[in-house]
Amino acid sequence: MEEYICKKCSQLYPTCCALNDEQNIIFPLSNLEIEQIKKETKEEFFFLEKVTAEFLNNLKKIFPEDKKIFSFFKEKKSYFRLNIANKKCIFLTSKGCSLKVKNRPFFCKIYPFWVINRKIVFFKDNNCFAQKKSNQVKELLKIFGYEPEYIFQLYENYKNNLIG
């Protein structure tokens, strides 16, 4: 179901794979994510970004209960992120993401969902095709064909791989 909803969205809206003025949270890539994507492409898909105060503030918002992640990036001074071209992820095509689902970054798999204080929430995104159908977590999970356990697992894997 995720493939359908994301493909349909990419044909109609700017999508979550494009930066917009409302939401410019950039998520770091873990080493595991980089290795997975390298299996599928030879393209230069990531670069090193300097840790800024804005980036650290965003980390506090999205990981409010996890001080280890904040401390890790504060000390690290830089992080890897996906390349963008024309304010869009380089893997975004008119048919959706060109990466196989198994090789996509954790954040791309989990979006628009997130976990805060052990509760599934979602990032409000006016361009999200699924959110035009519902603004309830339970309904959005159905639209994407996800079970809550899958979201919790992705979230934990992402957190653990970021600092692991």
N, C-alpha and C. Protein backbone atom coordinates (compact mmCIF):
# COMPACT_ATOMS: atom_id res chain seq x y z
N MET A 1 0.83 -1.20 0.00
CA MET A 1 0.00 0.00 0.00
C MET A 1 0.87 1.26 0.00
N GLU A 2 1.98 1.24 0.74
CA GLU A 2 2.87 2.42 0.80
C GLU A 2 3.31 2.83 -0.59
N GLU A 3 3.69 1.86 -1.42
CA GLU A 3 4.15 2.17 -2.77
C GLU A 3 3.09 2.93 -3.54
N TYR A 4 1.84 2.48 -3.44
CA TYR A 4 0.75 3.13 -4.16
C TYR A 4 0.56 4.57 -3.68
N ILE A 5 0.47 4.75 -2.39
CA ILE A 5 0.17 6.08 -1.85
C ILE A 5 1.31 7.05 -2.16
N CYS A 6 2.55 6.60 -2.07
CA CYS A 6 3.69 7.48 -2.34
C CYS A 6 3.80 7.79 -3.84
N LYS A 7 3.54 6.80 -4.67
CA LYS A 7 3.59 7.02 -6.12
C LYS A 7 2.51 8.02 -6.53
N LYS A 8 1.30 7.81 -6.02
CA LYS A 8 0.18 8.70 -6.34
C LYS A 8 0.49 10.12 -5.87
N CYS A 9 1.03 10.25 -4.69
CA CYS A 9 1.38 11.57 -4.13
C CYS A 9 2.41 12.27 -5.01
N SER A 10 3.41 11.52 -5.45
CA SER A 10 4.49 12.13 -6.26
C SER A 10 3.97 12.66 -7.59
N GLN A 11 2.85 12.14 -8.04
CA GLN A 11 2.26 12.60 -9.30
C GLN A 11 1.37 13.82 -9.11
N LEU A 12 0.92 14.06 -7.87
CA LEU A 12 -0.04 15.13 -7.62
C LEU A 12 0.51 16.32 -6.84
N TYR A 13 1.46 16.07 -5.94
CA TYR A 13 1.90 17.10 -5.00
C TYR A 13 3.43 17.21 -4.98
N PRO A 14 3.92 18.26 -4.33
CA PRO A 14 5.39 18.38 -4.19
C PRO A 14 6.01 17.22 -3.41
N THR A 15 5.28 16.56 -2.57
CA THR A 15 5.66 15.40 -1.75
C THR A 15 6.60 15.74 -0.60
N CYS A 16 6.72 14.77 0.29
CA CYS A 16 7.61 14.90 1.45
C CYS A 16 9.07 14.79 1.03
N CYS A 17 9.31 14.39 -0.20
CA CYS A 17 10.67 14.24 -0.72
C CYS A 17 11.21 15.55 -1.28
N ALA A 18 10.43 16.61 -1.13
CA ALA A 18 10.84 17.93 -1.59
C ALA A 18 10.82 18.89 -0.41
N LEU A 19 11.84 19.73 -0.33
CA LEU A 19 11.89 20.72 0.74
C LEU A 19 10.88 21.82 0.45
N ASN A 20 10.24 22.28 1.52
CA ASN A 20 9.35 23.43 1.36
C ASN A 20 9.59 24.39 2.51
N ASP A 21 8.98 25.55 2.45
CA ASP A 21 9.24 26.57 3.46
C ASP A 21 8.64 26.22 4.81
N GLU A 22 7.56 25.42 4.83
CA GLU A 22 6.92 25.04 6.08
C GLU A 22 7.78 24.10 6.91
N GLN A 23 8.39 23.17 6.24
CA GLN A 23 9.04 22.08 6.93
C GLN A 23 10.42 21.84 6.34
N ASN A 24 11.45 22.24 7.05
CA ASN A 24 12.77 22.00 6.49
C ASN A 24 13.64 21.21 7.45
N ILE A 25 13.04 20.22 8.07
CA ILE A 25 13.81 19.34 8.95
C ILE A 25 14.59 18.39 8.06
N ILE A 26 15.88 18.41 8.21
CA ILE A 26 16.75 17.52 7.44
C ILE A 26 17.20 16.40 8.38
N PHE A 27 16.97 15.18 7.97
CA PHE A 27 17.32 14.05 8.82
C PHE A 27 18.67 13.48 8.43
N PRO A 28 19.50 13.18 9.44
CA PRO A 28 20.81 12.60 9.15
C PRO A 28 20.70 11.15 8.71
N LEU A 29 21.67 10.72 7.94
CA LEU A 29 21.76 9.33 7.51
C LEU A 29 22.71 8.58 8.43
N SER A 30 22.35 7.37 8.76
CA SER A 30 23.26 6.51 9.53
C SER A 30 24.20 5.81 8.55
N ASN A 31 25.27 5.25 9.09
CA ASN A 31 26.21 4.49 8.24
C ASN A 31 25.52 3.30 7.58
N LEU A 32 24.61 2.65 8.31
CA LEU A 32 23.88 1.51 7.75
C LEU A 32 23.05 1.94 6.54
N GLU A 33 22.38 3.07 6.64
CA GLU A 33 21.56 3.56 5.52
C GLU A 33 22.43 3.84 4.30
N ILE A 34 23.57 4.45 4.52
CA ILE A 34 24.49 4.75 3.42
C ILE A 34 24.93 3.46 2.73
N GLU A 35 25.28 2.45 3.53
CA GLU A 35 25.71 1.17 2.96
C GLU A 35 24.58 0.50 2.18
N GLN A 36 23.36 0.56 2.69
CA GLN A 36 22.23 -0.05 1.98
C GLN A 36 21.99 0.63 0.63
N ILE A 37 22.03 1.95 0.61
CA ILE A 37 21.78 2.68 -0.63
C ILE A 37 22.90 2.44 -1.63
N LYS A 38 24.14 2.32 -1.13
CA LYS A 38 25.28 2.06 -2.03
C LYS A 38 25.12 0.75 -2.78
N LYS A 39 24.39 -0.20 -2.22
CA LYS A 39 24.16 -1.48 -2.89
C LYS A 39 23.32 -1.30 -4.15
N GLU A 40 22.55 -0.23 -4.18
CA GLU A 40 21.60 -0.02 -5.27
C GLU A 40 22.03 1.03 -6.29
N THR A 41 22.91 1.93 -5.91
CA THR A 41 23.26 3.01 -6.82
C THR A 41 24.74 3.38 -6.72
N LYS A 42 25.26 3.85 -7.82
CA LYS A 42 26.64 4.37 -7.85
C LYS A 42 26.62 5.90 -7.77
N GLU A 43 25.43 6.46 -7.80
CA GLU A 43 25.25 7.91 -7.78
C GLU A 43 25.75 8.50 -6.46
N GLU A 44 26.30 9.71 -6.54
CA GLU A 44 26.70 10.44 -5.33
C GLU A 44 25.42 10.93 -4.66
N PHE A 45 25.00 10.25 -3.62
CA PHE A 45 23.70 10.54 -3.04
C PHE A 45 23.74 11.20 -1.67
N PHE A 46 24.93 11.35 -1.10
CA PHE A 46 24.98 11.97 0.22
C PHE A 46 26.16 12.92 0.31
N PHE A 47 26.10 13.79 1.30
CA PHE A 47 27.23 14.69 1.54
C PHE A 47 27.30 15.01 3.03
N LEU A 48 28.42 15.57 3.41
CA LEU A 48 28.67 15.92 4.80
C LEU A 48 28.15 17.33 5.05
N GLU A 49 27.32 17.47 6.05
CA GLU A 49 26.71 18.75 6.41
C GLU A 49 27.20 19.15 7.80
N LYS A 50 27.45 20.41 7.99
CA LYS A 50 27.89 20.92 9.28
C LYS A 50 26.71 20.95 10.25
N VAL A 51 26.95 20.54 11.49
CA VAL A 51 25.93 20.63 12.53
C VAL A 51 25.76 22.10 12.89
N THR A 52 24.53 22.58 12.81
CA THR A 52 24.22 23.97 13.13
C THR A 52 23.31 24.02 14.35
N ALA A 53 23.12 25.21 14.89
CA ALA A 53 22.20 25.39 16.02
C ALA A 53 20.78 24.99 15.61
N GLU A 54 20.39 25.33 14.38
CA GLU A 54 19.05 24.97 13.89
C GLU A 54 18.89 23.45 13.83
N PHE A 55 19.91 22.76 13.35
CA PHE A 55 19.87 21.30 13.29
C PHE A 55 19.72 20.71 14.69
N LEU A 56 20.51 21.22 15.64
CA LEU A 56 20.43 20.72 17.02
C LEU A 56 19.07 21.01 17.64
N ASN A 57 18.50 22.17 17.36
CA ASN A 57 17.16 22.49 17.86
C ASN A 57 16.12 21.53 17.29
N ASN A 58 16.25 21.21 16.02
CA ASN A 58 15.33 20.24 15.41
C ASN A 58 15.48 18.87 16.05
N LEU A 59 16.71 18.47 16.35
CA LEU A 59 16.93 17.18 17.02
C LEU A 59 16.22 17.14 18.37
N LYS A 60 16.29 18.25 19.11
CA LYS A 60 15.60 18.32 20.41
C LYS A 60 14.10 18.15 20.25
N LYS A 61 13.55 18.70 19.17
CA LYS A 61 12.11 18.59 18.94
C LYS A 61 11.70 17.17 18.56
N ILE A 62 12.49 16.53 17.72
CA ILE A 62 12.07 15.21 17.24
C ILE A 62 12.54 14.05 18.12
N PHE A 63 13.53 14.30 18.97
CA PHE A 63 13.98 13.30 19.93
C PHE A 63 13.97 13.92 21.34
N PRO A 64 12.82 14.40 21.82
CA PRO A 64 12.81 15.12 23.09
C PRO A 64 13.24 14.28 24.29
N GLU A 65 13.04 12.97 24.21
CA GLU A 65 13.37 12.12 25.35
C GLU A 65 14.75 11.46 25.22
N ASP A 66 15.47 11.73 24.16
CA ASP A 66 16.74 11.05 23.94
C ASP A 66 17.92 12.02 23.89
N LYS A 67 18.53 12.23 25.01
CA LYS A 67 19.64 13.18 25.11
C LYS A 67 20.93 12.63 24.49
N LYS A 68 21.02 11.30 24.35
CA LYS A 68 22.22 10.69 23.75
C LYS A 68 22.40 11.14 22.31
N ILE A 69 21.31 11.19 21.57
CA ILE A 69 21.39 11.59 20.16
C ILE A 69 21.84 13.04 20.05
N PHE A 70 21.26 13.89 20.87
CA PHE A 70 21.63 15.31 20.86
C PHE A 70 23.12 15.46 21.18
N SER A 71 23.56 14.82 22.24
CA SER A 71 24.98 14.91 22.65
C SER A 71 25.90 14.36 21.57
N PHE A 72 25.51 13.26 20.96
CA PHE A 72 26.31 12.64 19.90
C PHE A 72 26.55 13.63 18.76
N PHE A 73 25.50 14.26 18.27
CA PHE A 73 25.65 15.18 17.13
C PHE A 73 26.30 16.49 17.53
N LYS A 74 26.08 16.92 18.76
CA LYS A 74 26.72 18.16 19.22
C LYS A 74 28.24 17.99 19.21
N GLU A 75 28.70 16.84 19.65
CA GLU A 75 30.14 16.55 19.68
C GLU A 75 30.69 16.23 18.29
N LYS A 76 29.87 15.64 17.45
CA LYS A 76 30.31 15.17 16.14
C LYS A 76 30.65 16.31 15.18
N LYS A 77 29.91 17.40 15.25
CA LYS A 77 30.15 18.60 14.42
C LYS A 77 29.67 18.50 12.98
N SER A 78 29.39 17.28 12.48
CA SER A 78 28.90 17.13 11.11
C SER A 78 28.09 15.83 11.01
N TYR A 79 27.34 15.72 9.93
CA TYR A 79 26.53 14.53 9.70
C TYR A 79 26.33 14.34 8.20
N PHE A 80 25.97 13.12 7.82
CA PHE A 80 25.68 12.83 6.42
C PHE A 80 24.19 13.02 6.17
N ARG A 81 23.87 13.55 4.99
CA ARG A 81 22.48 13.71 4.59
C ARG A 81 22.34 13.44 3.11
N LEU A 82 21.11 13.21 2.68
CA LEU A 82 20.85 12.97 1.26
C LEU A 82 21.09 14.22 0.44
N ASN A 83 21.59 14.02 -0.77
CA ASN A 83 21.72 15.13 -1.73
C ASN A 83 20.34 15.55 -2.20
N ILE A 84 20.23 16.81 -2.53
CA ILE A 84 19.01 17.31 -3.13
C ILE A 84 19.36 18.06 -4.41
N ALA A 85 18.43 18.08 -5.33
CA ALA A 85 18.59 18.84 -6.58
C ALA A 85 17.26 19.55 -6.82
N ASN A 86 17.33 20.85 -7.02
CA ASN A 86 16.11 21.64 -7.20
C ASN A 86 15.13 21.46 -6.04
N LYS A 87 15.68 21.42 -4.82
CA LYS A 87 14.90 21.27 -3.58
C LYS A 87 14.18 19.93 -3.46
N LYS A 88 14.62 18.93 -4.22
CA LYS A 88 14.02 17.60 -4.16
C LYS A 88 15.09 16.55 -3.94
N CYS A 89 14.71 15.47 -3.28
CA CYS A 89 15.60 14.33 -3.11
C CYS A 89 16.01 13.83 -4.49
N ILE A 90 17.26 13.47 -4.63
CA ILE A 90 17.74 13.02 -5.94
C ILE A 90 17.12 11.70 -6.38
N PHE A 91 16.50 10.98 -5.46
CA PHE A 91 15.86 9.72 -5.81
C PHE A 91 14.39 9.87 -6.18
N LEU A 92 13.85 11.07 -6.08
CA LEU A 92 12.44 11.30 -6.41
C LEU A 92 12.26 11.38 -7.93
N THR A 93 11.36 10.56 -8.43
CA THR A 93 11.03 10.58 -9.86
C THR A 93 9.52 10.80 -9.99
N SER A 94 9.04 10.88 -11.20
CA SER A 94 7.60 11.04 -11.41
C SER A 94 6.83 9.79 -10.98
N LYS A 95 7.54 8.70 -10.76
CA LYS A 95 6.92 7.45 -10.31
C LYS A 95 7.16 7.21 -8.83
N GLY A 96 7.62 8.22 -8.12
CA GLY A 96 7.92 8.06 -6.70
C GLY A 96 9.41 7.86 -6.49
N CYS A 97 9.74 7.20 -5.40
CA CYS A 97 11.15 6.97 -5.06
C CYS A 97 11.75 5.89 -5.96
N SER A 98 12.93 6.17 -6.47
CA SER A 98 13.60 5.19 -7.35
C SER A 98 14.30 4.09 -6.57
N LEU A 99 14.43 4.24 -5.25
CA LEU A 99 15.06 3.21 -4.42
C LEU A 99 14.06 2.11 -4.07
N LYS A 100 14.55 0.89 -3.97
CA LYS A 100 13.72 -0.19 -3.45
C LYS A 100 13.38 0.15 -2.00
N VAL A 101 12.20 -0.23 -1.56
CA VAL A 101 11.76 0.09 -0.20
C VAL A 101 12.78 -0.36 0.84
N LYS A 102 13.34 -1.55 0.68
CA LYS A 102 14.28 -2.09 1.68
C LYS A 102 15.55 -1.24 1.79
N ASN A 103 15.89 -0.48 0.76
CA ASN A 103 17.12 0.32 0.78
C ASN A 103 16.89 1.80 1.10
N ARG A 104 15.67 2.18 1.31
CA ARG A 104 15.39 3.59 1.62
C ARG A 104 15.84 3.93 3.03
N PRO A 105 16.18 5.18 3.26
CA PRO A 105 16.52 5.61 4.62
C PRO A 105 15.36 5.36 5.58
N PHE A 106 15.69 5.13 6.85
CA PHE A 106 14.66 4.89 7.87
C PHE A 106 13.59 5.98 7.85
N PHE A 107 14.04 7.23 7.80
CA PHE A 107 13.08 8.33 7.86
C PHE A 107 12.10 8.28 6.69
N CYS A 108 12.59 7.93 5.53
CA CYS A 108 11.71 7.85 4.35
C CYS A 108 10.68 6.73 4.51
N LYS A 109 11.06 5.66 5.18
CA LYS A 109 10.13 4.55 5.40
C LYS A 109 9.07 4.91 6.44
N ILE A 110 9.45 5.68 7.42
CA ILE A 110 8.54 5.96 8.53
C ILE A 110 7.64 7.17 8.28
N TYR A 111 8.07 8.08 7.44
CA TYR A 111 7.32 9.33 7.21
C TYR A 111 5.93 9.05 6.65
N PRO A 112 4.90 9.72 7.12
CA PRO A 112 4.85 10.92 7.96
C PRO A 112 4.80 10.62 9.45
N PHE A 113 4.96 9.35 9.82
CA PHE A 113 4.85 8.98 11.23
C PHE A 113 6.13 9.27 11.99
N TRP A 114 5.98 9.36 13.30
CA TRP A 114 7.11 9.53 14.19
C TRP A 114 6.68 9.04 15.55
N VAL A 115 7.62 8.89 16.47
CA VAL A 115 7.31 8.44 17.82
C VAL A 115 7.83 9.49 18.80
N ILE A 116 6.94 9.97 19.64
CA ILE A 116 7.30 10.92 20.70
C ILE A 116 6.74 10.36 22.00
N ASN A 117 7.60 10.21 22.99
CA ASN A 117 7.19 9.67 24.29
C ASN A 117 6.40 8.37 24.14
N ARG A 118 6.93 7.48 23.33
CA ARG A 118 6.36 6.14 23.09
C ARG A 118 4.95 6.17 22.50
N LYS A 119 4.62 7.24 21.81
CA LYS A 119 3.31 7.38 21.17
C LYS A 119 3.52 7.72 19.69
N ILE A 120 2.76 7.05 18.82
CA ILE A 120 2.86 7.34 17.39
C ILE A 120 2.13 8.64 17.09
N VAL A 121 2.83 9.53 16.43
CA VAL A 121 2.29 10.81 15.99
C VAL A 121 2.62 10.93 14.50
N PHE A 122 2.25 12.04 13.90
CA PHE A 122 2.65 12.25 12.51
C PHE A 122 2.98 13.72 12.29
N PHE A 123 3.90 13.93 11.34
CA PHE A 123 4.27 15.29 10.95
C PHE A 123 3.14 15.84 10.08
N LYS A 124 2.61 16.97 10.47
CA LYS A 124 1.56 17.62 9.68
C LYS A 124 2.20 18.12 8.39
N ASP A 125 1.65 17.69 7.27
CA ASP A 125 2.19 18.06 5.97
C ASP A 125 1.03 18.32 5.02
N ASN A 126 0.84 19.57 4.67
CA ASN A 126 -0.28 19.95 3.80
C ASN A 126 -0.19 19.34 2.41
N ASN A 127 0.98 18.86 2.03
CA ASN A 127 1.15 18.25 0.71
C ASN A 127 1.04 16.72 0.74
N CYS A 128 0.78 16.16 1.90
CA CYS A 128 0.71 14.70 2.03
C CYS A 128 -0.64 14.20 1.51
N PHE A 129 -0.58 13.38 0.48
CA PHE A 129 -1.78 12.81 -0.13
C PHE A 129 -2.61 12.04 0.90
N ALA A 130 -1.95 11.25 1.73
CA ALA A 130 -2.64 10.46 2.75
C ALA A 130 -3.34 11.36 3.76
N GLN A 131 -2.68 12.47 4.15
CA GLN A 131 -3.28 13.36 5.14
C GLN A 131 -4.46 14.14 4.57
N LYS A 132 -4.59 14.18 3.28
CA LYS A 132 -5.78 14.80 2.68
C LYS A 132 -6.99 13.88 2.86
N LYS A 133 -6.72 12.60 3.12
CA LYS A 133 -7.79 11.62 3.34
C LYS A 133 -8.14 11.49 4.83
N SER A 134 -7.16 11.71 5.71
CA SER A 134 -7.40 11.58 7.15
C SER A 134 -6.33 12.33 7.94
N ASN A 135 -6.71 12.78 9.13
CA ASN A 135 -5.73 13.39 10.03
C ASN A 135 -5.70 12.64 11.36
N GLN A 136 -6.02 11.36 11.31
CA GLN A 136 -6.01 10.50 12.49
C GLN A 136 -4.93 9.43 12.31
N VAL A 137 -4.12 9.23 13.34
CA VAL A 137 -3.03 8.26 13.26
C VAL A 137 -3.54 6.88 12.86
N LYS A 138 -4.59 6.43 13.50
CA LYS A 138 -5.12 5.08 13.23
C LYS A 138 -5.51 4.93 11.75
N GLU A 139 -6.18 5.93 11.21
CA GLU A 139 -6.59 5.89 9.81
C GLU A 139 -5.39 5.99 8.86
N LEU A 140 -4.44 6.85 9.20
CA LEU A 140 -3.23 6.98 8.37
C LEU A 140 -2.45 5.67 8.33
N LEU A 141 -2.37 4.99 9.46
CA LEU A 141 -1.70 3.69 9.49
C LEU A 141 -2.37 2.72 8.51
N LYS A 142 -3.70 2.73 8.48
CA LYS A 142 -4.44 1.87 7.54
C LYS A 142 -4.15 2.26 6.09
N ILE A 143 -4.14 3.55 5.82
CA ILE A 143 -3.89 4.03 4.45
C ILE A 143 -2.53 3.54 3.95
N PHE A 144 -1.52 3.58 4.84
CA PHE A 144 -0.18 3.15 4.46
C PHE A 144 -0.01 1.62 4.56
N GLY A 145 -0.97 0.97 5.21
CA GLY A 145 -0.87 -0.48 5.38
C GLY A 145 0.14 -0.87 6.45
N TYR A 146 0.31 -0.01 7.46
CA TYR A 146 1.29 -0.25 8.52
C TYR A 146 0.61 -0.68 9.81
N GLU A 147 1.28 -1.52 10.55
CA GLU A 147 0.90 -1.85 11.92
C GLU A 147 1.71 -0.95 12.84
N PRO A 148 1.17 -0.58 14.00
CA PRO A 148 1.93 0.27 14.94
C PRO A 148 3.31 -0.30 15.27
N GLU A 149 3.41 -1.62 15.39
CA GLU A 149 4.70 -2.25 15.74
C GLU A 149 5.77 -1.93 14.71
N TYR A 150 5.37 -1.84 13.45
CA TYR A 150 6.32 -1.52 12.38
C TYR A 150 6.89 -0.12 12.58
N ILE A 151 6.06 0.83 12.94
CA ILE A 151 6.51 2.21 13.17
C ILE A 151 7.47 2.24 14.36
N PHE A 152 7.10 1.57 15.45
CA PHE A 152 7.98 1.54 16.62
C PHE A 152 9.33 0.91 16.27
N GLN A 153 9.30 -0.16 15.49
CA GLN A 153 10.53 -0.85 15.10
C GLN A 153 11.42 0.05 14.23
N LEU A 154 10.83 0.70 13.23
CA LEU A 154 11.61 1.62 12.38
C LEU A 154 12.23 2.73 13.21
N TYR A 155 11.45 3.30 14.09
CA TYR A 155 11.92 4.40 14.93
C TYR A 155 13.11 3.96 15.79
N GLU A 156 12.98 2.82 16.44
CA GLU A 156 14.07 2.32 17.29
C GLU A 156 15.30 1.98 16.46
N ASN A 157 15.10 1.37 15.31
CA ASN A 157 16.24 1.05 14.44
C ASN A 157 16.95 2.32 14.00
N TYR A 158 16.19 3.33 13.64
CA TYR A 158 16.79 4.60 13.23
C TYR A 158 17.61 5.21 14.36
N LYS A 159 17.01 5.32 15.54
CA LYS A 159 17.72 5.88 16.69
C LYS A 159 19.00 5.11 16.98
N ASN A 160 18.90 3.80 17.04
CA ASN A 160 20.06 2.97 17.37
C ASN A 160 21.16 3.06 16.33
N ASN A 161 20.79 3.15 15.06
CA ASN A 161 21.78 3.22 13.99
C ASN A 161 22.41 4.60 13.86
N LEU A 162 21.70 5.63 14.28
CA LEU A 162 22.28 6.98 14.21
C LEU A 162 23.53 7.11 15.08
N ILE A 163 23.46 6.54 16.27
CA ILE A 163 24.58 6.71 17.20
C ILE A 163 25.39 5.43 17.37
N GLY A 164 24.98 4.37 16.67
CA GLY A 164 25.65 3.08 16.81
C GLY A 164 26.81 2.95 15.98
